[in-house]
Amino acid sequence: MGQYIIDAHAHLWLNVDTVVNGSPIHPLKPNRSRSMFFGEERQMLPPYMTDGQNTAERFLSNMDYAQVSAAVITQEFIDGLQNNYLMQVQQRYPNRFFCFGMPELRKPGFCDEAKNLIDKGFRGIKVPAARLPWQFLNNEMLQMLRMMEQKGVILGIELMDGDAQVAQMETLIQECPQLKIIIGHFGMVTRPNWMSQIKLARHENVYVESGGITWLFNDEFYPFPSAIRAIKEAADEVGWQKLMWGSDYPRTITAITYKMSYDFVTKSKELTEEQKEMFLSSNAKQFFGFGELIELPYIKNMSE
């Protein structure tokens, strides 16, 4: 029997060669699965991805194997801008991927750039506020957000740890009450005051996804019992209908397999089947507007 799962936070790129806060991020030759990351050598991809390319086709192979029907592709400055590639992915696989566009938010003129991305077909715009100056909600940002609200475009956003930018989010929500918002990284759940970000989902159009939760609880490692407790705590605060699973693929699967990034949820005895279904599938399906999902049966391994 197949299953329907949606990954609400993943990344794709053809190449990464960018600069963030003056520090270059680029793959290392000949081992292009590793990168220089803020001055340190890091395992950015699983070691078999030796060409440094994190493509849709490779991800689809992982998705099919792990029985994940669809995925939301977000962006981050450390990926470099991937708009051209992600538009190709969106057009090639419309039933499997929802892709966020991202303008160059670190330079003036990004509102016009965001409008062009939306006109090209992006239905979501990503704002990595955690990597922007603390006061990210300036006049041009508000102009862009109001335009997104009018056009029914989703805002994907990640915030600095704790409550550093929560007050600005409250202002944003008040200014754009119909803007659909998804907050990433489960509010940076292992950091102090993480619940202040989760509580933003008390607002009608604000949701939270768990991209990177296995990274944040990496010291504990699989099956991440503290992550399960945190998910339950967040649900007690804002309701199960406001929470979604995200993997943060591919960087998280340098430590675990892709399937492990969600099956700690499916195997948990602390959650009901209804709670698991909402967290892993139906909430994201409704929020991002996915149509009929592909049913993926379990395929036995050669070792079984």
C-alpha atoms as a PDB file:
ATOM      1  CA  MET A   1       0.000   0.000   0.000  1.00  0.00           C
ATOM      2  CA  GLY A   2       1.264   3.487  -0.833  1.00  0.00           C
ATOM      3  CA  GLN A   3       1.301   6.643   1.243  1.00  0.00           C
ATOM      4  CA  TYR A   4       1.106  10.399   0.690  1.00  0.00           C
ATOM      5  CA  ILE A   5       3.766  12.594   2.305  1.00  0.00           C
ATOM      6  CA  ILE A   6       4.750  16.196   1.537  1.00  0.00           C
ATOM      7  CA  ASP A   7       8.122  17.688   2.434  1.00  0.00           C
ATOM      8  CA  ALA A   8       7.523  21.373   3.232  1.00  0.00           C
ATOM      9  CA  HIS A   9      11.195  22.436   3.291  1.00  0.00           C
ATOM     10  CA  ALA A  10      13.876  21.256   0.864  1.00  0.00           C
ATOM     11  CA  HIS A  11      16.564  22.783  -1.356  1.00  0.00           C
ATOM     12  CA  LEU A  12      17.699  22.257  -4.949  1.00  0.00           C
ATOM     13  CA  TRP A  13      20.544  23.787  -6.929  1.00  0.00           C
ATOM     14  CA  LEU A  14      22.707  23.181  -9.973  1.00  0.00           C
ATOM     15  CA  ASN A  15      25.772  24.889  -8.528  1.00  0.00           C
ATOM     16  CA  VAL A  16      26.591  26.816  -5.363  1.00  0.00           C
ATOM     17  CA  ASP A  17      29.102  29.634  -5.709  1.00  0.00           C
ATOM     18  CA  THR A  18      28.095  32.631  -3.625  1.00  0.00           C
ATOM     19  CA  VAL A  19      29.157  35.100  -0.947  1.00  0.00           C
ATOM     20  CA  VAL A  20      27.283  35.653   2.344  1.00  0.00           C
ATOM     21  CA  ASN A  21      28.365  38.375   4.768  1.00  0.00           C
ATOM     22  CA  GLY A  22      31.658  38.659   2.923  1.00  0.00           C
ATOM     23  CA  SER A  23      32.455  34.935   3.224  1.00  0.00           C
ATOM     24  CA  PRO A  24      32.563  32.779   0.070  1.00  0.00           C
ATOM     25  CA  ILE A  25      30.591  29.538  -0.106  1.00  0.00           C
ATOM     26  CA  HIS A  26      31.697  27.267  -2.918  1.00  0.00           C
ATOM     27  CA  PRO A  27      32.285  23.546  -3.596  1.00  0.00           C
ATOM     28  CA  LEU A  28      35.772  22.107  -3.124  1.00  0.00           C
ATOM     29  CA  LYS A  29      37.507  20.246  -5.928  1.00  0.00           C
ATOM     30  CA  PRO A  30      37.891  17.379  -6.477  1.00  0.00           C
ATOM     31  CA  ASN A  31      35.447  16.435  -3.683  1.00  0.00           C
ATOM     32  CA  ARG A  32      32.536  18.655  -4.717  1.00  0.00           C
ATOM     33  CA  SER A  33      30.226  17.196  -2.097  1.00  0.00           C
ATOM     34  CA  ARG A  34      32.176  19.324   0.385  1.00  0.00           C
ATOM     35  CA  SER A  35      32.186  23.096   0.472  1.00  0.00           C
ATOM     36  CA  MET A  36      33.959  26.008   2.076  1.00  0.00           C
ATOM     37  CA  PHE A  37      31.258  27.306   4.395  1.00  0.00           C
ATOM     38  CA  PHE A  38      32.033  30.548   6.254  1.00  0.00           C
ATOM     39  CA  GLY A  39      35.727  29.661   6.288  1.00  0.00           C
ATOM     40  CA  GLU A  40      35.278  26.002   7.308  1.00  0.00           C
ATOM     41  CA  GLU A  41      35.246  22.840   5.235  1.00  0.00           C
ATOM     42  CA  ARG A  42      31.818  21.223   5.539  1.00  0.00           C
ATOM     43  CA  GLN A  43      30.135  18.118   4.152  1.00  0.00           C
ATOM     44  CA  MET A  44      27.440  19.981   2.231  1.00  0.00           C
ATOM     45  CA  LEU A  45      26.081  16.970   0.309  1.00  0.00           C
ATOM     46  CA  PRO A  46      26.093  13.191   0.688  1.00  0.00           C
ATOM     47  CA  PRO A  47      29.583  12.038  -0.371  1.00  0.00           C
ATOM     48  CA  TYR A  48      28.376  10.265  -3.517  1.00  0.00           C
ATOM     49  CA  MET A  49      27.190  13.587  -5.023  1.00  0.00           C
ATOM     50  CA  THR A  50      30.701  14.273  -6.264  1.00  0.00           C
ATOM     51  CA  ASP A  51      29.753  16.869  -8.893  1.00  0.00           C
ATOM     52  CA  GLY A  52      28.216  19.271  -6.363  1.00  0.00           C
ATOM     53  CA  GLN A  53      24.866  19.241  -8.146  1.00  0.00           C
ATOM     54  CA  ASN A  54      21.724  18.859  -6.047  1.00  0.00           C
ATOM     55  CA  THR A  55      19.243  18.318  -8.851  1.00  0.00           C
ATOM     56  CA  ALA A  56      15.517  17.694  -9.015  1.00  0.00           C
ATOM     57  CA  GLU A  57      16.080  14.286 -10.596  1.00  0.00           C
ATOM     58  CA  ARG A  58      18.307  13.139  -7.735  1.00  0.00           C
ATOM     59  CA  PHE A  59      15.803  14.411  -5.226  1.00  0.00           C
ATOM     60  CA  LEU A  60      12.933  12.683  -7.026  1.00  0.00           C
ATOM     61  CA  SER A  61      14.856   9.418  -6.777  1.00  0.00           C
ATOM     62  CA  ASN A  62      15.163   9.969  -3.014  1.00  0.00           C
ATOM     63  CA  MET A  63      11.504  11.001  -2.784  1.00  0.00           C
ATOM     64  CA  ASP A  64      10.265   7.959  -4.681  1.00  0.00           C
ATOM     65  CA  TYR A  65      12.381   5.617  -2.551  1.00  0.00           C
ATOM     66  CA  ALA A  66      11.178   7.253   0.690  1.00  0.00           C
ATOM     67  CA  GLN A  67       7.551   7.450  -0.543  1.00  0.00           C
ATOM     68  CA  VAL A  68       7.399  11.266  -0.457  1.00  0.00           C
ATOM     69  CA  SER A  69       4.821  12.441  -2.985  1.00  0.00           C
ATOM     70  CA  ALA A  70       5.704  16.137  -3.259  1.00  0.00           C
ATOM     71  CA  ALA A  71       8.083  18.751  -1.893  1.00  0.00           C
ATOM     72  CA  VAL A  72       8.314  22.494  -1.330  1.00  0.00           C
ATOM     73  CA  ILE A  73      11.605  23.928  -2.569  1.00  0.00           C
ATOM     74  CA  THR A  74      12.779  26.918  -0.593  1.00  0.00           C
ATOM     75  CA  GLN A  75      15.817  29.156  -1.069  1.00  0.00           C
ATOM     76  CA  GLU A  76      18.577  30.551   1.119  1.00  0.00           C
ATOM     77  CA  PHE A  77      21.463  32.944   0.512  1.00  0.00           C
ATOM     78  CA  ILE A  78      23.941  30.137   1.194  1.00  0.00           C
ATOM     79  CA  ASP A  79      22.536  28.308  -1.863  1.00  0.00           C
ATOM     80  CA  GLY A  80      23.013  31.307  -4.125  1.00  0.00           C
ATOM     81  CA  LEU A  81      20.012  32.557  -6.087  1.00  0.00           C
ATOM     82  CA  GLN A  82      18.489  29.580  -7.921  1.00  0.00           C
ATOM     83  CA  ASN A  83      15.475  31.248  -9.564  1.00  0.00           C
ATOM     84  CA  ASN A  84      16.245  30.253 -13.154  1.00  0.00           C
ATOM     85  CA  TYR A  85      16.788  26.612 -12.281  1.00  0.00           C
ATOM     86  CA  LEU A  86      13.809  26.392  -9.926  1.00  0.00           C
ATOM     87  CA  MET A  87      11.454  27.835 -12.535  1.00  0.00           C
ATOM     88  CA  GLN A  88      12.582  25.063 -14.888  1.00  0.00           C
ATOM     89  CA  VAL A  89      11.956  22.515 -12.118  1.00  0.00           C
ATOM     90  CA  GLN A  90       8.491  23.967 -11.432  1.00  0.00           C
ATOM     91  CA  GLN A  91       7.572  23.769 -15.109  1.00  0.00           C
ATOM     92  CA  ARG A  92       9.014  20.283 -15.597  1.00  0.00           C
ATOM     93  CA  TYR A  93       7.479  18.683 -12.491  1.00  0.00           C
ATOM     94  CA  PRO A  94       4.401  20.774 -11.563  1.00  0.00           C
ATOM     95  CA  ASN A  95       2.749  17.966  -9.575  1.00  0.00           C
ATOM     96  CA  ARG A  96       5.822  17.139  -7.492  1.00  0.00           C
ATOM     97  CA  PHE A  97       7.272  20.545  -6.568  1.00  0.00           C
ATOM     98  CA  PHE A  98       6.194  23.947  -5.271  1.00  0.00           C
ATOM     99  CA  CYS A  99       9.160  26.312  -5.678  1.00  0.00           C
ATOM    100  CA  PHE A 100       9.824  29.600  -3.905  1.00  0.00           C
ATOM    101  CA  GLY A 101      11.447  32.431  -5.793  1.00  0.00           C
ATOM    102  CA  MET A 102      13.875  34.753  -4.034  1.00  0.00           C
ATOM    103  CA  PRO A 103      14.933  38.259  -5.102  1.00  0.00           C
ATOM    104  CA  GLU A 104      18.265  39.760  -4.085  1.00  0.00           C
ATOM    105  CA  LEU A 105      16.933  41.116  -0.818  1.00  0.00           C
ATOM    106  CA  ARG A 106      20.293  42.552   0.251  1.00  0.00           C
ATOM    107  CA  LYS A 107      20.152  45.289  -2.374  1.00  0.00           C
ATOM    108  CA  PRO A 108      17.580  48.027  -3.116  1.00  0.00           C
ATOM    109  CA  GLY A 109      15.146  47.269  -5.923  1.00  0.00           C
ATOM    110  CA  PHE A 110      14.152  43.819  -4.710  1.00  0.00           C
ATOM    111  CA  CYS A 111      10.425  44.647  -4.760  1.00  0.00           C
ATOM    112  CA  ASP A 112      10.462  45.043  -8.545  1.00  0.00           C
ATOM    113  CA  GLU A 113      12.533  41.879  -8.822  1.00  0.00           C
ATOM    114  CA  ALA A 114       9.986  39.985  -6.713  1.00  0.00           C
ATOM    115  CA  LYS A 115       7.171  41.224  -8.985  1.00  0.00           C
ATOM    116  CA  ASN A 116       9.062  39.884 -12.005  1.00  0.00           C
ATOM    117  CA  LEU A 117       9.523  36.513 -10.320  1.00  0.00           C
ATOM    118  CA  ILE A 118       5.807  36.343  -9.539  1.00  0.00           C
ATOM    119  CA  ASP A 119       4.946  37.322 -13.108  1.00  0.00           C
ATOM    120  CA  LYS A 120       7.129  34.432 -14.308  1.00  0.00           C
ATOM    121  CA  GLY A 121       5.054  32.005 -12.265  1.00  0.00           C
ATOM    122  CA  PHE A 122       6.470  31.739  -8.748  1.00  0.00           C
ATOM    123  CA  ARG A 123       3.647  31.378  -6.203  1.00  0.00           C
ATOM    124  CA  GLY A 124       5.876  31.961  -3.188  1.00  0.00           C
ATOM    125  CA  ILE A 125       8.674  34.372  -2.265  1.00  0.00           C
ATOM    126  CA  LYS A 126      11.324  33.469   0.306  1.00  0.00           C
ATOM    127  CA  VAL A 127      12.771  35.945   2.847  1.00  0.00           C
ATOM    128  CA  PRO A 128      15.694  34.572   4.912  1.00  0.00           C
ATOM    129  CA  ALA A 129      15.257  37.289   7.549  1.00  0.00           C
ATOM    130  CA  ALA A 130      17.758  35.575   9.850  1.00  0.00           C
ATOM    131  CA  ARG A 131      20.521  36.499   7.384  1.00  0.00           C
ATOM    132  CA  LEU A 132      19.280  40.041   6.795  1.00  0.00           C
ATOM    133  CA  PRO A 133      19.963  42.979   9.133  1.00  0.00           C
ATOM    134  CA  TRP A 134      18.017  42.652  12.388  1.00  0.00           C
ATOM    135  CA  GLN A 135      15.567  45.382  11.246  1.00  0.00           C
ATOM    136  CA  PHE A 136      14.453  43.625   8.064  1.00  0.00           C
ATOM    137  CA  LEU A 137      10.968  45.150   7.873  1.00  0.00           C
ATOM    138  CA  ASN A 138      11.807  48.360   6.017  1.00  0.00           C
ATOM    139  CA  ASN A 139       9.601  50.339   3.632  1.00  0.00           C
ATOM    140  CA  GLU A 140      10.559  48.356   0.541  1.00  0.00           C
ATOM    141  CA  MET A 141       9.969  45.058   2.355  1.00  0.00           C
ATOM    142  CA  LEU A 142       6.477  46.199   3.352  1.00  0.00           C
ATOM    143  CA  GLN A 143       5.829  47.300  -0.218  1.00  0.00           C
ATOM    144  CA  MET A 144       6.816  43.835  -1.469  1.00  0.00           C
ATOM    145  CA  LEU A 145       4.713  42.065   1.166  1.00  0.00           C
ATOM    146  CA  ARG A 146       1.608  44.118   0.396  1.00  0.00           C
ATOM    147  CA  MET A 147       2.058  43.330  -3.287  1.00  0.00           C
ATOM    148  CA  MET A 148       2.357  39.618  -2.425  1.00  0.00           C
ATOM    149  CA  GLU A 149      -0.778  39.816  -0.304  1.00  0.00           C
ATOM    150  CA  GLN A 150      -2.738  41.344  -3.189  1.00  0.00           C
ATOM    151  CA  LYS A 151      -1.528  38.648  -5.590  1.00  0.00           C
ATOM    152  CA  GLY A 152      -2.117  35.730  -3.208  1.00  0.00           C
ATOM    153  CA  VAL A 153       1.582  34.814  -3.066  1.00  0.00           C
ATOM    154  CA  ILE A 154       2.938  32.871  -0.073  1.00  0.00           C
ATOM    155  CA  LEU A 155       5.704  34.278   2.136  1.00  0.00           C
ATOM    156  CA  GLY A 156       8.302  31.790   3.350  1.00  0.00           C
ATOM    157  CA  ILE A 157      10.419  33.238   6.145  1.00  0.00           C
ATOM    158  CA  GLU A 158      13.095  32.181   8.626  1.00  0.00           C
ATOM    159  CA  LEU A 159      13.869  34.335  11.648  1.00  0.00           C
ATOM    160  CA  MET A 160      16.784  34.984  13.941  1.00  0.00           C
ATOM    161  CA  ASP A 161      16.914  32.816  17.058  1.00  0.00           C
ATOM    162  CA  GLY A 162      14.247  33.278  19.690  1.00  0.00           C
ATOM    163  CA  ASP A 163      12.156  36.444  19.770  1.00  0.00           C
ATOM    164  CA  ALA A 164      14.702  38.776  18.119  1.00  0.00           C
ATOM    165  CA  GLN A 165      12.444  39.500  15.116  1.00  0.00           C
ATOM    166  CA  VAL A 166       9.058  38.408  16.473  1.00  0.00           C
ATOM    167  CA  ALA A 167       7.847  41.974  17.129  1.00  0.00           C
ATOM    168  CA  GLN A 168       8.505  42.836  13.484  1.00  0.00           C
ATOM    169  CA  MET A 169       6.524  39.755  12.473  1.00  0.00           C
ATOM    170  CA  GLU A 170       3.579  40.952  14.560  1.00  0.00           C
ATOM    171  CA  THR A 171       3.762  44.279  12.715  1.00  0.00           C
ATOM    172  CA  LEU A 172       4.003  42.475   9.377  1.00  0.00           C
ATOM    173  CA  ILE A 173       0.952  40.343  10.162  1.00  0.00           C
ATOM    174  CA  GLN A 174      -1.027  43.410  11.231  1.00  0.00           C
ATOM    175  CA  GLU A 175      -0.065  45.285   8.055  1.00  0.00           C
ATOM    176  CA  CYS A 176      -0.794  42.303   5.764  1.00  0.00           C
ATOM    177  CA  PRO A 177      -3.541  40.288   7.512  1.00  0.00           C
ATOM    178  CA  GLN A 178      -4.386  38.205   4.414  1.00  0.00           C
ATOM    179  CA  LEU A 179      -0.790  37.287   3.538  1.00  0.00           C
ATOM    180  CA  LYS A 180      -0.168  33.537   3.842  1.00  0.00           C
ATOM    181  CA  ILE A 181       3.010  32.984   5.881  1.00  0.00           C
ATOM    182  CA  ILE A 182       5.041  29.869   6.587  1.00  0.00           C
ATOM    183  CA  ILE A 183       7.764  30.128   9.257  1.00  0.00           C
ATOM    184  CA  GLY A 184      10.744  27.807   8.811  1.00  0.00           C
ATOM    185  CA  HIS A 185      13.047  25.722  11.005  1.00  0.00           C
ATOM    186  CA  PHE A 186      10.309  25.172  13.611  1.00  0.00           C
ATOM    187  CA  GLY A 187      11.166  28.493  15.238  1.00  0.00           C
ATOM    188  CA  MET A 188      14.801  27.335  15.764  1.00  0.00           C
ATOM    189  CA  VAL A 189      13.391  24.935  18.311  1.00  0.00           C
ATOM    190  CA  THR A 190      16.546  24.185  20.307  1.00  0.00           C
ATOM    191  CA  ARG A 191      17.270  27.869  20.948  1.00  0.00           C
ATOM    192  CA  PRO A 192      15.957  29.923  23.899  1.00  0.00           C
ATOM    193  CA  ASN A 193      12.520  31.519  23.424  1.00  0.00           C
ATOM    194  CA  TRP A 194      11.752  29.375  20.373  1.00  0.00           C
ATOM    195  CA  MET A 195       8.079  29.186  21.326  1.00  0.00           C
ATOM    196  CA  SER A 196       7.697  32.927  20.641  1.00  0.00           C
ATOM    197  CA  GLN A 197       8.000  32.129  16.928  1.00  0.00           C
ATOM    198  CA  ILE A 198       5.583  29.202  17.140  1.00  0.00           C
ATOM    199  CA  LYS A 199       2.969  31.423  18.832  1.00  0.00           C
ATOM    200  CA  LEU A 200       2.857  33.568  15.687  1.00  0.00           C
ATOM    201  CA  ALA A 201       0.814  30.711  14.208  1.00  0.00           C
ATOM    202  CA  ARG A 202      -2.058  31.738  16.465  1.00  0.00           C
ATOM    203  CA  HIS A 203      -2.779  34.185  13.653  1.00  0.00           C
ATOM    204  CA  GLU A 204      -5.116  32.717  11.062  1.00  0.00           C
ATOM    205  CA  ASN A 205      -2.790  32.812   8.053  1.00  0.00           C
ATOM    206  CA  VAL A 206       0.491  31.870   9.767  1.00  0.00           C
ATOM    207  CA  TYR A 207       1.873  28.311   9.740  1.00  0.00           C
ATOM    208  CA  VAL A 208       5.109  26.622  10.843  1.00  0.00           C
ATOM    209  CA  GLU A 209       7.249  23.955   9.144  1.00  0.00           C
ATOM    210  CA  SER A 210       9.915  21.784  10.718  1.00  0.00           C
ATOM    211  CA  GLY A 211      12.700  22.002   8.130  1.00  0.00           C
ATOM    212  CA  GLY A 212      15.994  21.238   9.855  1.00  0.00           C
ATOM    213  CA  ILE A 213      14.506  19.803  13.040  1.00  0.00           C
ATOM    214  CA  THR A 214      16.732  16.705  12.776  1.00  0.00           C
ATOM    215  CA  TRP A 215      19.748  19.020  12.411  1.00  0.00           C
ATOM    216  CA  LEU A 216      18.690  21.019  15.465  1.00  0.00           C
ATOM    217  CA  PHE A 217      18.391  17.805  17.510  1.00  0.00           C
ATOM    218  CA  ASN A 218      21.424  16.187  15.886  1.00  0.00           C
ATOM    219  CA  ASP A 219      23.274  15.778  19.199  1.00  0.00           C
ATOM    220  CA  GLU A 220      20.442  13.571  20.429  1.00  0.00           C
ATOM    221  CA  PHE A 221      20.168  11.773  17.058  1.00  0.00           C
ATOM    222  CA  TYR A 222      17.605   9.322  15.735  1.00  0.00           C
ATOM    223  CA  PRO A 223      14.800   8.704  16.703  1.00  0.00           C
ATOM    224  CA  PHE A 224      14.834  12.277  18.085  1.00  0.00           C
ATOM    225  CA  PRO A 225      12.494  11.867  21.086  1.00  0.00           C
ATOM    226  CA  SER A 226      12.975  15.518  22.090  1.00  0.00           C
ATOM    227  CA  ALA A 227      11.856  16.583  18.603  1.00  0.00           C
ATOM    228  CA  ILE A 228       8.631  14.616  19.078  1.00  0.00           C
ATOM    229  CA  ARG A 229       8.082  16.323  22.426  1.00  0.00           C
ATOM    230  CA  ALA A 230       8.708  19.741  20.853  1.00  0.00           C
ATOM    231  CA  ILE A 231       6.234  19.027  18.046  1.00  0.00           C
ATOM    232  CA  LYS A 232       3.597  18.049  20.608  1.00  0.00           C
ATOM    233  CA  GLU A 233       4.327  21.165  22.667  1.00  0.00           C
ATOM    234  CA  ALA A 234       3.910  23.375  19.598  1.00  0.00           C
ATOM    235  CA  ALA A 235       0.669  21.610  18.663  1.00  0.00           C
ATOM    236  CA  ASP A 236      -0.673  22.195  22.163  1.00  0.00           C
ATOM    237  CA  GLU A 237       0.021  25.891  21.654  1.00  0.00           C
ATOM    238  CA  VAL A 238      -1.312  26.506  18.109  1.00  0.00           C
ATOM    239  CA  GLY A 239      -3.073  23.301  17.003  1.00  0.00           C
ATOM    240  CA  TRP A 240      -1.988  20.404  14.786  1.00  0.00           C
ATOM    241  CA  GLN A 241      -3.535  22.078  11.736  1.00  0.00           C
ATOM    242  CA  LYS A 242      -0.793  24.751  11.820  1.00  0.00           C
ATOM    243  CA  LEU A 243       2.277  22.472  11.670  1.00  0.00           C
ATOM    244  CA  MET A 244       4.054  20.724   8.777  1.00  0.00           C
ATOM    245  CA  TRP A 245       7.011  18.405   8.334  1.00  0.00           C
ATOM    246  CA  GLY A 246      10.103  19.574   6.453  1.00  0.00           C
ATOM    247  CA  SER A 247      13.416  17.776   5.916  1.00  0.00           C
ATOM    248  CA  ASP A 248      15.881  20.550   4.950  1.00  0.00           C
ATOM    249  CA  TYR A 249      17.192  18.159   2.278  1.00  0.00           C
ATOM    250  CA  PRO A 250      19.977  17.659   1.214  1.00  0.00           C
ATOM    251  CA  ARG A 251      22.248  18.940   3.985  1.00  0.00           C
ATOM    252  CA  THR A 252      20.420  16.970   6.678  1.00  0.00           C
ATOM    253  CA  ILE A 253      20.927  13.650   4.876  1.00  0.00           C
ATOM    254  CA  THR A 254      24.683  13.814   5.314  1.00  0.00           C
ATOM    255  CA  ALA A 255      23.977  12.466   8.820  1.00  0.00           C
ATOM    256  CA  ILE A 256      20.815  10.387   8.270  1.00  0.00           C
ATOM    257  CA  THR A 257      18.881   8.983   5.322  1.00  0.00           C
ATOM    258  CA  TYR A 258      16.077  10.962   3.758  1.00  0.00           C
ATOM    259  CA  LYS A 259      13.478   8.512   5.050  1.00  0.00           C
ATOM    260  CA  MET A 260      14.833   8.831   8.599  1.00  0.00           C
ATOM    261  CA  SER A 261      14.124  12.566   8.437  1.00  0.00           C
ATOM    262  CA  TYR A 262      10.398  11.786   8.740  1.00  0.00           C
ATOM    263  CA  ASP A 263       9.925   8.200   9.891  1.00  0.00           C
ATOM    264  CA  PHE A 264      10.823   9.135  13.456  1.00  0.00           C
ATOM    265  CA  VAL A 265       7.359  10.721  13.268  1.00  0.00           C
ATOM    266  CA  THR A 266       5.573   7.780  11.650  1.00  0.00           C
ATOM    267  CA  LYS A 267       7.127   5.335  14.128  1.00  0.00           C
ATOM    268  CA  SER A 268       6.375   7.447  17.196  1.00  0.00           C
ATOM    269  CA  LYS A 269       3.897   5.944  19.651  1.00  0.00           C
ATOM    270  CA  GLU A 270       3.259   9.365  21.199  1.00  0.00           C
ATOM    271  CA  LEU A 271       1.292  10.661  18.202  1.00  0.00           C
ATOM    272  CA  THR A 272      -2.052   9.540  16.806  1.00  0.00           C
ATOM    273  CA  GLU A 273      -2.469   8.488  13.189  1.00  0.00           C
ATOM    274  CA  GLU A 274      -4.567  11.598  12.565  1.00  0.00           C
ATOM    275  CA  GLN A 275      -1.857  13.856  13.993  1.00  0.00           C
ATOM    276  CA  LYS A 276       0.795  12.169  11.842  1.00  0.00           C
ATOM    277  CA  GLU A 277      -1.336  12.545   8.703  1.00  0.00           C
ATOM    278  CA  MET A 278      -1.909  16.255   9.319  1.00  0.00           C
ATOM    279  CA  PHE A 279       1.757  16.943  10.100  1.00  0.00           C
ATOM    280  CA  LEU A 280       3.166  14.880   7.217  1.00  0.00           C
ATOM    281  CA  SER A 281       0.633  15.528   4.488  1.00  0.00           C
ATOM    282  CA  SER A 282      -2.754  17.231   4.636  1.00  0.00           C
ATOM    283  CA  ASN A 283      -1.697  20.557   6.198  1.00  0.00           C
ATOM    284  CA  ALA A 284       0.930  21.179   3.510  1.00  0.00           C
ATOM    285  CA  LYS A 285      -1.376  19.948   0.737  1.00  0.00           C
ATOM    286  CA  GLN A 286      -3.998  22.506   1.675  1.00  0.00           C
ATOM    287  CA  PHE A 287      -1.618  25.397   2.431  1.00  0.00           C
ATOM    288  CA  PHE A 288       0.473  25.119  -0.759  1.00  0.00           C
ATOM    289  CA  GLY A 289      -2.399  24.070  -2.998  1.00  0.00           C
ATOM    290  CA  PHE A 290      -1.077  20.737  -4.214  1.00  0.00           C
ATOM    291  CA  GLY A 291      -3.472  18.813  -6.418  1.00  0.00           C
ATOM    292  CA  GLU A 292      -3.806  15.053  -6.547  1.00  0.00           C
ATOM    293  CA  LEU A 293      -0.725  13.476  -5.001  1.00  0.00           C
ATOM    294  CA  ILE A 294       1.153  10.568  -6.515  1.00  0.00           C
ATOM    295  CA  GLU A 295       0.813   7.364  -4.499  1.00  0.00           C
ATOM    296  CA  LEU A 296       4.181   5.719  -3.931  1.00  0.00           C
ATOM    297  CA  PRO A 297       4.242   2.070  -2.859  1.00  0.00           C
ATOM    298  CA  TYR A 298       6.934   0.593  -0.639  1.00  0.00           C
ATOM    299  CA  ILE A 299       9.734  -1.053  -2.623  1.00  0.00           C
ATOM    300  CA  LYS A 300      11.780  -3.722  -0.895  1.00  0.00           C
ATOM    301  CA  ASN A 301      15.539  -3.307  -0.555  1.00  0.00           C
ATOM    302  CA  MET A 302      17.865  -5.943  -1.962  1.00  0.00           C
ATOM    303  CA  SER A 303      18.982  -6.635   1.609  1.00  0.00           C
ATOM    304  CA  GLU A 304      15.471  -7.602   2.758  1.00  0.00           C
END
